[in-house]
């Protein structure tokens, strides 16, 4: 007797067969849409999406998606900051060129007083450029924690498998991780 849609029937999940599978998974993990909305959008029952979430989306997948999302956000913010920095730098450079033209014009007209005042203005503009670029470049930092990295998720899986295979290894491993104050050992379920 055929088992149809029963578990272990060998039938692939509806979401797994969709070309937008990765976006659906991201919608579920990031709560960008409700499960009911996802179900309506792809034409399945709410319980199908809920079952897929519970049975198919692993903790490693969740962490990977969360890490990618945070990194994308940081990259976007960094791009905006860098663009703003370039806009300010271009404005200052334009101002510096205008002051240089005034200096040249004053020198051609032998107006030493005005040339000297313009040179002082140029010095201030150049000082502001150097100050602005130095400070912006120093304040830009990006932090990604080990617990969110793809490598840690993979390493954690490997360590879990080894500890399952050799149960006596779990306690010494955790003790050493805590001894070295690894931030990932603060998680409730490290291994």
N, C-alpha and C. Protein backbone atom coordinates (compact mmCIF):
# COMPACT_ATOMS: atom_id res chain seq x y z
N UNK A 1 0.84 -1.18 0.00
CA UNK A 1 0.00 0.00 0.00
C UNK A 1 0.88 1.24 0.00
N UNK A 2 0.61 2.19 -0.87
CA UNK A 2 1.41 3.41 -0.98
C UNK A 2 1.20 4.29 0.24
N UNK A 3 2.27 4.95 0.65
CA UNK A 3 2.19 5.78 1.84
C UNK A 3 1.94 7.25 1.53
N UNK A 4 1.82 7.63 0.30
CA UNK A 4 1.50 9.01 -0.08
C UNK A 4 2.37 10.03 0.60
N UNK A 5 1.76 10.90 1.40
CA UNK A 5 2.49 12.00 2.02
C UNK A 5 2.97 11.70 3.42
N UNK A 6 2.90 10.43 3.85
CA UNK A 6 3.34 10.10 5.20
C UNK A 6 4.83 10.29 5.35
N UNK A 7 5.24 10.50 6.60
CA UNK A 7 6.65 10.67 6.90
C UNK A 7 7.41 9.42 6.45
N UNK A 8 8.58 9.60 5.96
CA UNK A 8 9.45 8.53 5.48
C UNK A 8 8.91 7.87 4.20
N UNK A 9 8.02 8.54 3.50
CA UNK A 9 7.48 7.96 2.27
C UNK A 9 8.40 8.19 1.09
N UNK A 10 9.44 8.98 1.28
CA UNK A 10 10.37 9.27 0.21
C UNK A 10 9.94 10.45 -0.64
N UNK A 11 8.81 11.01 -0.33
CA UNK A 11 8.30 12.16 -1.07
C UNK A 11 8.96 13.43 -0.56
N UNK A 12 9.41 14.27 -1.48
CA UNK A 12 10.08 15.52 -1.09
C UNK A 12 9.05 16.54 -0.61
N UNK A 13 9.48 17.39 0.31
CA UNK A 13 8.61 18.44 0.83
C UNK A 13 8.31 19.45 -0.28
N UNK A 14 7.12 20.00 -0.26
CA UNK A 14 6.69 20.97 -1.27
C UNK A 14 7.66 22.14 -1.33
N UNK A 15 8.08 22.63 -0.19
CA UNK A 15 8.98 23.79 -0.15
C UNK A 15 10.33 23.44 -0.77
N UNK A 16 10.80 22.22 -0.55
CA UNK A 16 12.09 21.80 -1.13
C UNK A 16 12.08 21.81 -2.65
N UNK A 17 10.92 21.66 -3.26
CA UNK A 17 10.83 21.60 -4.72
C UNK A 17 10.64 22.98 -5.36
N UNK A 18 10.50 24.01 -4.55
CA UNK A 18 10.24 25.35 -5.09
C UNK A 18 11.55 26.06 -5.46
N UNK A 19 11.55 26.83 -6.54
CA UNK A 19 12.76 27.57 -6.91
C UNK A 19 13.10 28.67 -5.91
N UNK A 20 12.10 29.16 -5.16
CA UNK A 20 12.34 30.21 -4.18
C UNK A 20 12.47 29.64 -2.76
N UNK A 21 12.92 28.40 -2.68
CA UNK A 21 13.06 27.69 -1.40
C UNK A 21 13.89 28.50 -0.39
N UNK A 22 15.04 29.02 -0.82
CA UNK A 22 15.91 29.74 0.11
C UNK A 22 15.24 30.99 0.66
N UNK A 23 14.49 31.69 -0.17
CA UNK A 23 13.78 32.89 0.31
C UNK A 23 12.68 32.51 1.29
N UNK A 24 12.00 31.40 1.04
CA UNK A 24 10.96 30.94 1.96
C UNK A 24 11.58 30.60 3.31
N UNK A 25 12.72 29.90 3.29
CA UNK A 25 13.40 29.54 4.53
C UNK A 25 13.83 30.81 5.28
N UNK A 26 14.36 31.80 4.54
CA UNK A 26 14.75 33.06 5.17
C UNK A 26 13.52 33.76 5.76
N UNK A 27 12.40 33.74 5.04
CA UNK A 27 11.17 34.34 5.57
C UNK A 27 10.78 33.69 6.89
N UNK A 28 10.90 32.37 6.96
CA UNK A 28 10.54 31.64 8.18
C UNK A 28 11.50 31.99 9.30
N UNK A 29 12.80 31.89 9.05
CA UNK A 29 13.81 32.10 10.09
C UNK A 29 13.82 33.54 10.58
N UNK A 30 13.73 34.49 9.66
CA UNK A 30 13.82 35.91 10.01
C UNK A 30 12.47 36.51 10.38
N UNK A 31 11.41 35.70 10.30
CA UNK A 31 10.04 36.19 10.58
C UNK A 31 9.67 37.39 9.72
N UNK A 32 10.12 37.36 8.46
CA UNK A 32 9.78 38.47 7.56
C UNK A 32 8.31 38.41 7.16
N UNK A 33 7.76 37.20 7.16
CA UNK A 33 6.34 37.00 6.87
C UNK A 33 5.83 35.96 7.87
N UNK A 34 4.55 36.02 8.17
CA UNK A 34 3.97 35.00 9.05
C UNK A 34 3.90 33.68 8.29
N UNK A 35 3.84 32.60 9.04
CA UNK A 35 3.74 31.29 8.39
C UNK A 35 2.44 31.18 7.61
N UNK A 36 1.37 31.79 8.11
CA UNK A 36 0.10 31.77 7.39
C UNK A 36 0.24 32.51 6.06
N UNK A 37 0.94 33.63 6.07
CA UNK A 37 1.15 34.40 4.84
C UNK A 37 2.01 33.60 3.85
N UNK A 38 3.03 32.94 4.35
CA UNK A 38 3.89 32.11 3.49
C UNK A 38 3.05 30.98 2.88
N UNK A 39 2.24 30.34 3.72
CA UNK A 39 1.40 29.24 3.24
C UNK A 39 0.46 29.71 2.14
N UNK A 40 -0.19 30.86 2.34
CA UNK A 40 -1.10 31.41 1.32
C UNK A 40 -0.33 31.70 0.04
N UNK A 41 0.83 32.31 0.18
CA UNK A 41 1.62 32.72 -0.99
C UNK A 41 2.03 31.53 -1.85
N UNK A 42 2.38 30.40 -1.22
CA UNK A 42 2.85 29.25 -2.01
C UNK A 42 1.76 28.20 -2.22
N UNK A 43 0.57 28.46 -1.69
CA UNK A 43 -0.57 27.59 -1.96
C UNK A 43 -0.59 26.29 -1.20
N UNK A 44 -0.16 26.33 0.07
CA UNK A 44 -0.20 25.14 0.91
C UNK A 44 -0.90 25.47 2.22
N UNK A 45 -1.14 24.46 3.01
CA UNK A 45 -1.75 24.64 4.32
C UNK A 45 -0.72 25.18 5.31
N UNK A 46 -1.20 25.93 6.30
CA UNK A 46 -0.34 26.49 7.35
C UNK A 46 0.49 25.39 8.02
N UNK A 47 -0.11 24.24 8.27
CA UNK A 47 0.59 23.15 8.96
C UNK A 47 1.77 22.62 8.13
N UNK A 48 1.70 22.74 6.81
CA UNK A 48 2.80 22.31 5.95
C UNK A 48 4.04 23.17 6.21
N UNK A 49 3.82 24.48 6.31
CA UNK A 49 4.94 25.40 6.58
C UNK A 49 5.46 25.17 7.99
N UNK A 50 4.56 24.99 8.94
CA UNK A 50 4.96 24.76 10.33
C UNK A 50 5.76 23.46 10.45
N UNK A 51 5.29 22.41 9.79
CA UNK A 51 5.98 21.12 9.82
C UNK A 51 7.36 21.24 9.15
N UNK A 52 7.44 21.98 8.05
CA UNK A 52 8.73 22.19 7.38
C UNK A 52 9.69 22.91 8.33
N UNK A 53 9.19 23.94 9.00
CA UNK A 53 10.03 24.68 9.96
C UNK A 53 10.56 23.74 11.04
N UNK A 54 9.70 22.93 11.59
CA UNK A 54 10.08 22.05 12.70
C UNK A 54 10.96 20.89 12.28
N UNK A 55 10.71 20.33 11.09
CA UNK A 55 11.41 19.11 10.67
C UNK A 55 12.63 19.36 9.79
N UNK A 56 12.63 20.43 9.02
CA UNK A 56 13.66 20.60 7.99
C UNK A 56 14.67 21.71 8.29
N UNK A 57 14.27 22.74 9.03
CA UNK A 57 15.18 23.87 9.26
C UNK A 57 15.97 23.59 10.54
N UNK A 58 17.26 23.33 10.36
CA UNK A 58 18.13 22.97 11.48
C UNK A 58 18.64 24.23 12.19
N UNK A 59 19.19 24.03 13.37
CA UNK A 59 19.79 25.13 14.12
C UNK A 59 20.95 25.73 13.32
N UNK A 60 21.70 24.88 12.66
CA UNK A 60 22.82 25.37 11.85
C UNK A 60 22.32 26.27 10.73
N UNK A 61 21.21 25.89 10.09
CA UNK A 61 20.64 26.72 9.03
C UNK A 61 20.19 28.06 9.60
N UNK A 62 19.55 28.02 10.76
CA UNK A 62 19.09 29.26 11.40
C UNK A 62 20.28 30.19 11.67
N UNK A 63 21.32 29.64 12.27
CA UNK A 63 22.49 30.46 12.61
C UNK A 63 23.15 31.03 11.37
N UNK A 64 23.25 30.21 10.33
CA UNK A 64 23.88 30.68 9.09
C UNK A 64 23.08 31.84 8.49
N UNK A 65 21.77 31.71 8.46
CA UNK A 65 20.92 32.78 7.91
C UNK A 65 21.04 34.03 8.76
N UNK A 66 21.02 33.87 10.09
CA UNK A 66 21.14 35.03 10.98
C UNK A 66 22.50 35.72 10.78
N UNK A 67 23.56 34.93 10.66
CA UNK A 67 24.90 35.50 10.46
C UNK A 67 24.98 36.24 9.13
N UNK A 68 24.47 35.61 8.06
CA UNK A 68 24.49 36.26 6.75
C UNK A 68 23.72 37.57 6.77
N UNK A 69 22.58 37.57 7.44
CA UNK A 69 21.75 38.77 7.52
C UNK A 69 22.47 39.88 8.27
N UNK A 70 23.11 39.53 9.38
CA UNK A 70 23.86 40.55 10.13
C UNK A 70 25.02 41.10 9.31
N UNK A 71 25.72 40.21 8.62
CA UNK A 71 26.86 40.64 7.81
C UNK A 71 26.39 41.54 6.67
N UNK A 72 25.28 41.16 6.02
CA UNK A 72 24.73 42.00 4.94
C UNK A 72 24.36 43.38 5.47
N UNK A 73 23.77 43.41 6.67
CA UNK A 73 23.41 44.69 7.27
C UNK A 73 24.64 45.55 7.55
N UNK A 74 25.68 44.93 8.07
CA UNK A 74 26.92 45.65 8.35
C UNK A 74 27.54 46.16 7.05
N UNK A 75 27.55 45.31 6.02
CA UNK A 75 28.12 45.72 4.74
C UNK A 75 27.34 46.89 4.13
N UNK A 76 26.02 46.85 4.24
CA UNK A 76 25.18 47.93 3.72
C UNK A 76 25.46 49.22 4.48
N UNK A 77 25.50 49.12 5.82
CA UNK A 77 25.78 50.31 6.64
C UNK A 77 27.17 50.87 6.34
N UNK A 78 28.14 49.99 6.15
CA UNK A 78 29.51 50.42 5.84
C UNK A 78 29.54 51.13 4.50
N UNK A 79 28.81 50.60 3.53
CA UNK A 79 28.75 51.22 2.20
C UNK A 79 28.15 52.64 2.30
N UNK A 80 27.10 52.78 3.08
CA UNK A 80 26.46 54.10 3.26
C UNK A 80 27.43 55.06 3.93
N UNK A 81 28.10 54.61 4.97
CA UNK A 81 29.06 55.47 5.67
C UNK A 81 30.19 55.87 4.74
N UNK A 82 30.70 54.92 3.99
CA UNK A 82 31.79 55.23 3.06
C UNK A 82 31.34 56.20 1.98
N UNK A 83 30.10 56.05 1.49
CA UNK A 83 29.58 56.97 0.48
C UNK A 83 29.44 58.37 1.07
N UNK A 84 28.92 58.46 2.30
CA UNK A 84 28.81 59.77 2.96
C UNK A 84 30.20 60.39 3.13
N UNK A 85 31.15 59.56 3.50
CA UNK A 85 32.52 60.05 3.68
C UNK A 85 33.07 60.59 2.37
N UNK A 86 32.79 59.87 1.27
CA UNK A 86 33.25 60.33 -0.04
C UNK A 86 32.56 61.63 -0.43
N UNK A 87 31.27 61.77 -0.14
CA UNK A 87 30.54 63.01 -0.45
C UNK A 87 31.15 64.19 0.29
N UNK A 88 31.44 64.00 1.58
CA UNK A 88 32.05 65.07 2.38
C UNK A 88 33.44 65.38 1.85
N UNK A 89 34.21 64.35 1.54
CA UNK A 89 35.57 64.56 1.02
C UNK A 89 35.52 65.31 -0.31
N UNK A 90 34.57 64.96 -1.19
CA UNK A 90 34.48 65.64 -2.48
C UNK A 90 34.09 67.11 -2.28
N UNK A 91 33.22 67.39 -1.33
CA UNK A 91 32.84 68.78 -1.03
C UNK A 91 34.05 69.57 -0.55
N UNK A 92 34.82 68.97 0.35
CA UNK A 92 36.02 69.66 0.84
C UNK A 92 37.04 69.86 -0.28
N UNK A 93 37.21 68.86 -1.13
CA UNK A 93 38.15 68.99 -2.24
C UNK A 93 37.73 70.10 -3.19
N UNK A 94 36.43 70.19 -3.45
CA UNK A 94 35.91 71.26 -4.30
C UNK A 94 36.19 72.62 -3.68
N UNK A 95 35.95 72.71 -2.39
CA UNK A 95 36.22 73.97 -1.67
C UNK A 95 37.71 74.31 -1.73
N UNK A 96 38.57 73.32 -1.57
CA UNK A 96 40.02 73.55 -1.64
C UNK A 96 40.42 74.07 -3.02
N UNK A 97 39.85 73.52 -4.09
CA UNK A 97 40.17 73.98 -5.45
C UNK A 97 39.73 75.43 -5.64
N UNK A 98 38.56 75.77 -5.13
CA UNK A 98 38.07 77.15 -5.25
C UNK A 98 38.99 78.13 -4.53
N UNK A 99 39.45 77.73 -3.34
CA UNK A 99 40.36 78.60 -2.59
C UNK A 99 41.69 78.74 -3.33
N UNK A 100 42.17 77.66 -3.93
CA UNK A 100 43.41 77.72 -4.71
C UNK A 100 43.27 78.70 -5.87
N UNK A 101 42.10 78.70 -6.54
CA UNK A 101 41.87 79.65 -7.63
C UNK A 101 41.90 81.09 -7.11
N UNK A 102 41.31 81.31 -5.92
CA UNK A 102 41.34 82.66 -5.34
C UNK A 102 42.77 83.10 -5.04
N UNK A 103 43.57 82.17 -4.55
CA UNK A 103 44.97 82.49 -4.26
C UNK A 103 45.69 82.88 -5.55
N UNK A 104 45.49 82.08 -6.60
CA UNK A 104 46.13 82.36 -7.89
C UNK A 104 45.71 83.72 -8.41
N UNK A 105 44.42 84.00 -8.35
CA UNK A 105 43.89 85.28 -8.83
C UNK A 105 44.47 86.45 -8.02
N UNK A 106 44.53 86.27 -6.68
CA UNK A 106 45.07 87.34 -5.84
C UNK A 106 46.55 87.57 -6.13
N UNK A 107 47.30 86.52 -6.39
CA UNK A 107 48.72 86.66 -6.70
C UNK A 107 48.91 87.36 -8.05
N UNK A 108 48.03 87.02 -9.03
CA UNK A 108 48.12 87.66 -10.34
C UNK A 108 47.83 89.16 -10.22
N UNK A 109 46.93 89.52 -9.33
CA UNK A 109 46.58 90.94 -9.13
C UNK A 109 47.50 91.61 -8.11
N UNK A 110 48.49 90.88 -7.65
CA UNK A 110 49.46 91.36 -6.65
C UNK A 110 48.77 91.87 -5.40
N UNK A 111 47.70 91.19 -5.01
CA UNK A 111 46.97 91.52 -3.77
C UNK A 111 47.46 90.56 -2.69
N UNK A 112 48.60 90.89 -2.10
CA UNK A 112 49.25 90.00 -1.14
C UNK A 112 48.40 89.74 0.10
N UNK A 113 47.68 90.74 0.57
CA UNK A 113 46.84 90.59 1.77
C UNK A 113 45.74 89.56 1.55
N UNK A 114 45.07 89.67 0.38
CA UNK A 114 44.00 88.74 0.08
C UNK A 114 44.57 87.34 -0.16
N UNK A 115 45.73 87.26 -0.84
CA UNK A 115 46.38 85.97 -1.09
C UNK A 115 46.73 85.30 0.23
N UNK A 116 47.25 86.07 1.18
CA UNK A 116 47.61 85.53 2.49
C UNK A 116 46.37 85.02 3.24
N UNK A 117 45.27 85.79 3.18
CA UNK A 117 44.02 85.38 3.84
C UNK A 117 43.47 84.11 3.18
N UNK A 118 43.55 84.03 1.86
CA UNK A 118 43.08 82.84 1.15
C UNK A 118 43.93 81.63 1.50
N UNK A 119 45.24 81.83 1.64
CA UNK A 119 46.13 80.73 2.02
C UNK A 119 45.79 80.21 3.41
N UNK A 120 45.45 81.14 4.32
CA UNK A 120 45.04 80.73 5.66
C UNK A 120 43.75 79.91 5.59
N UNK A 121 42.83 80.35 4.73
CA UNK A 121 41.57 79.60 4.54
C UNK A 121 41.84 78.22 3.98
N UNK A 122 42.77 78.13 3.01
CA UNK A 122 43.11 76.84 2.41
C UNK A 122 43.73 75.92 3.46
N UNK A 123 44.60 76.49 4.30
CA UNK A 123 45.22 75.69 5.37
C UNK A 123 44.15 75.08 6.27
N UNK A 124 43.12 75.88 6.61
CA UNK A 124 42.04 75.39 7.48
C UNK A 124 41.22 74.30 6.78
N UNK A 125 40.96 74.49 5.50
CA UNK A 125 40.21 73.48 4.75
C UNK A 125 41.00 72.18 4.71
N UNK A 126 42.31 72.25 4.43
CA UNK A 126 43.14 71.05 4.37
C UNK A 126 43.23 70.36 5.73
N UNK A 127 43.30 71.16 6.79
CA UNK A 127 43.32 70.59 8.15
C UNK A 127 42.00 69.86 8.43
N UNK A 128 40.88 70.47 8.02
CA UNK A 128 39.58 69.83 8.22
C UNK A 128 39.47 68.52 7.44
N UNK A 129 39.99 68.52 6.20
CA UNK A 129 39.96 67.29 5.39
C UNK A 129 40.73 66.19 6.10
N UNK A 130 41.95 66.52 6.54
CA UNK A 130 42.78 65.51 7.20
C UNK A 130 42.12 65.03 8.49
N UNK A 131 41.54 65.93 9.25
CA UNK A 131 40.89 65.57 10.51
C UNK A 131 39.66 64.69 10.24
N UNK A 132 38.84 65.11 9.29
CA UNK A 132 37.61 64.38 8.98
C UNK A 132 37.91 62.97 8.48
N UNK A 133 38.82 62.83 7.55
CA UNK A 133 39.12 61.51 7.00
C UNK A 133 39.77 60.61 8.03
N UNK A 134 40.63 61.16 8.84
CA UNK A 134 41.29 60.37 9.89
C UNK A 134 40.30 59.86 10.91
N UNK A 135 39.40 60.73 11.36
CA UNK A 135 38.43 60.32 12.39
C UNK A 135 37.44 59.31 11.85
N UNK A 136 36.93 59.50 10.64
CA UNK A 136 35.96 58.55 10.09
C UNK A 136 36.60 57.19 9.87
N UNK A 137 37.83 57.19 9.40
CA UNK A 137 38.49 55.93 9.14
C UNK A 137 38.75 55.17 10.44
N UNK A 138 38.99 55.87 11.55
CA UNK A 138 39.28 55.21 12.82
C UNK A 138 38.02 54.70 13.50
N UNK A 139 36.87 55.33 13.28
CA UNK A 139 35.66 54.95 13.99
C UNK A 139 34.90 53.80 13.36
N UNK A 140 35.26 53.37 12.18
CA UNK A 140 34.52 52.34 11.48
C UNK A 140 35.04 50.96 11.90
N UNK A 141 34.19 50.18 12.60
CA UNK A 141 34.57 48.84 13.02
C UNK A 141 33.44 47.88 12.70
N UNK A 142 33.81 46.64 12.45
CA UNK A 142 32.83 45.59 12.17
C UNK A 142 33.10 44.45 13.14
N UNK A 143 32.05 43.99 13.84
CA UNK A 143 32.18 42.89 14.79
C UNK A 143 31.27 41.75 14.38
N UNK A 144 31.84 40.57 14.28
CA UNK A 144 31.06 39.36 14.04
C UNK A 144 31.49 38.36 15.10
N UNK A 145 30.54 37.84 15.86
CA UNK A 145 30.89 36.91 16.92
C UNK A 145 31.12 35.51 16.37
N UNK A 146 31.93 34.77 17.06
CA UNK A 146 32.26 33.41 16.66
C UNK A 146 31.01 32.55 16.57
N UNK A 147 30.08 32.73 17.51
CA UNK A 147 28.88 31.89 17.55
C UNK A 147 28.02 32.03 16.29
N UNK A 148 28.19 33.12 15.54
CA UNK A 148 27.38 33.35 14.36
C UNK A 148 28.10 32.98 13.07
N UNK A 149 29.35 32.61 13.16
CA UNK A 149 30.09 32.32 11.94
C UNK A 149 29.77 30.94 11.40
N UNK A 150 29.83 30.80 10.07
CA UNK A 150 29.57 29.51 9.42
C UNK A 150 30.57 28.46 9.91
N UNK A 151 31.83 28.89 10.09
CA UNK A 151 32.86 27.95 10.51
C UNK A 151 32.55 27.36 11.88
N UNK A 152 32.07 28.22 12.82
CA UNK A 152 31.74 27.71 14.15
C UNK A 152 30.58 26.73 14.08
N UNK A 153 29.59 27.02 13.28
CA UNK A 153 28.44 26.12 13.16
C UNK A 153 28.92 24.75 12.66
N UNK A 154 29.81 24.74 11.68
CA UNK A 154 30.34 23.48 11.16
C UNK A 154 31.21 22.79 12.21
N UNK A 155 32.10 23.56 12.85
CA UNK A 155 32.98 22.99 13.88
C UNK A 155 32.16 22.44 15.04
N UNK A 156 31.12 23.15 15.42
CA UNK A 156 30.25 22.70 16.52
C UNK A 156 29.61 21.36 16.18
N UNK A 157 29.17 21.21 14.93
CA UNK A 157 28.58 19.95 14.49
C UNK A 157 29.61 18.82 14.58
N UNK A 158 30.82 19.10 14.13
CA UNK A 158 31.89 18.09 14.18
C UNK A 158 32.19 17.71 15.63
N UNK A 159 32.33 18.73 16.50
CA UNK A 159 32.62 18.46 17.91
C UNK A 159 31.49 17.66 18.56
N UNK A 160 30.25 17.99 18.21
CA UNK A 160 29.09 17.26 18.73
C UNK A 160 29.15 15.79 18.31
N UNK A 161 29.47 15.55 17.04
CA UNK A 161 29.57 14.18 16.55
C UNK A 161 30.67 13.40 17.26
N UNK A 162 31.83 14.06 17.47
CA UNK A 162 32.93 13.40 18.17
C UNK A 162 32.55 13.11 19.62
N UNK A 163 31.88 14.07 20.28
CA UNK A 163 31.46 13.86 21.67
C UNK A 163 30.40 12.78 21.77
N UNK A 164 29.54 12.65 20.75
CA UNK A 164 28.55 11.57 20.74
C UNK A 164 29.25 10.21 20.57
N UNK A 165 30.31 10.22 19.75
CA UNK A 165 31.05 8.99 19.52
C UNK A 165 31.92 8.61 20.72
N UNK A 166 32.50 9.63 21.37
CA UNK A 166 33.36 9.41 22.53
C UNK A 166 32.82 10.27 23.68
N UNK A 167 31.81 9.79 24.41
CA UNK A 167 31.17 10.60 25.46
C UNK A 167 32.13 11.13 26.52
N UNK A 168 33.19 10.42 26.79
CA UNK A 168 34.15 10.88 27.80
C UNK A 168 34.89 12.15 27.37
N UNK A 169 34.85 12.48 26.10
CA UNK A 169 35.57 13.67 25.60
C UNK A 169 34.80 14.96 25.87
N UNK A 170 33.48 14.89 26.08
CA UNK A 170 32.65 16.09 26.25
C UNK A 170 33.11 16.96 27.43
N UNK A 171 33.26 16.37 28.61
CA UNK A 171 33.58 17.15 29.81
C UNK A 171 34.95 17.82 29.69
N UNK A 172 36.03 17.11 29.29
CA UNK A 172 37.33 17.79 29.16
C UNK A 172 37.33 18.89 28.08
N UNK A 173 36.61 18.64 27.00
CA UNK A 173 36.53 19.65 25.94
C UNK A 173 35.86 20.92 26.45
N UNK A 174 34.70 20.79 27.08
CA UNK A 174 33.99 21.96 27.61
C UNK A 174 34.83 22.68 28.67
N UNK A 175 35.51 21.90 29.53
CA UNK A 175 36.35 22.50 30.57
C UNK A 175 37.44 23.36 29.94
N UNK A 176 38.08 22.86 28.91
CA UNK A 176 39.15 23.62 28.25
C UNK A 176 38.59 24.86 27.53
N UNK A 177 37.42 24.71 26.92
CA UNK A 177 36.81 25.85 26.24
C UNK A 177 36.49 26.95 27.26
N UNK A 178 35.95 26.56 28.40
CA UNK A 178 35.63 27.55 29.44
C UNK A 178 36.89 28.15 30.05
N UNK A 179 37.93 27.32 30.19
CA UNK A 179 39.20 27.80 30.74
C UNK A 179 39.78 28.92 29.87
N UNK A 180 39.63 28.78 28.57
CA UNK A 180 40.14 29.78 27.64
C UNK A 180 39.12 30.88 27.37
N UNK A 181 38.05 30.89 28.13
CA UNK A 181 37.00 31.92 28.10
C UNK A 181 36.50 32.15 26.68
N UNK A 182 36.12 31.10 26.01
CA UNK A 182 35.52 31.23 24.69
C UNK A 182 34.08 31.68 24.86
N UNK A 183 33.69 32.71 24.13
CA UNK A 183 32.34 33.26 24.28
C UNK A 183 31.26 32.24 23.95
N UNK A 184 31.55 31.31 23.08
CA UNK A 184 30.54 30.33 22.69
C UNK A 184 30.20 29.37 23.82
N UNK A 185 31.04 29.27 24.86
CA UNK A 185 30.74 28.37 25.96
C UNK A 185 29.67 28.95 26.88
N UNK A 186 29.27 30.18 26.66
CA UNK A 186 28.21 30.79 27.46
C UNK A 186 26.83 30.35 26.98
N UNK A 187 26.77 29.76 25.79
CA UNK A 187 25.50 29.27 25.27
C UNK A 187 25.05 28.09 26.12
N UNK A 188 23.74 27.95 26.23
CA UNK A 188 23.19 26.86 27.03
C UNK A 188 23.56 25.50 26.45
N UNK A 189 23.47 25.37 25.14
CA UNK A 189 23.71 24.08 24.50
C UNK A 189 24.91 24.20 23.57
N UNK A 190 26.11 24.25 24.15
CA UNK A 190 27.31 24.39 23.33
C UNK A 190 27.53 23.12 22.53
N UNK A 191 27.52 22.00 23.19
CA UNK A 191 27.72 20.70 22.53
C UNK A 191 26.62 19.74 22.91
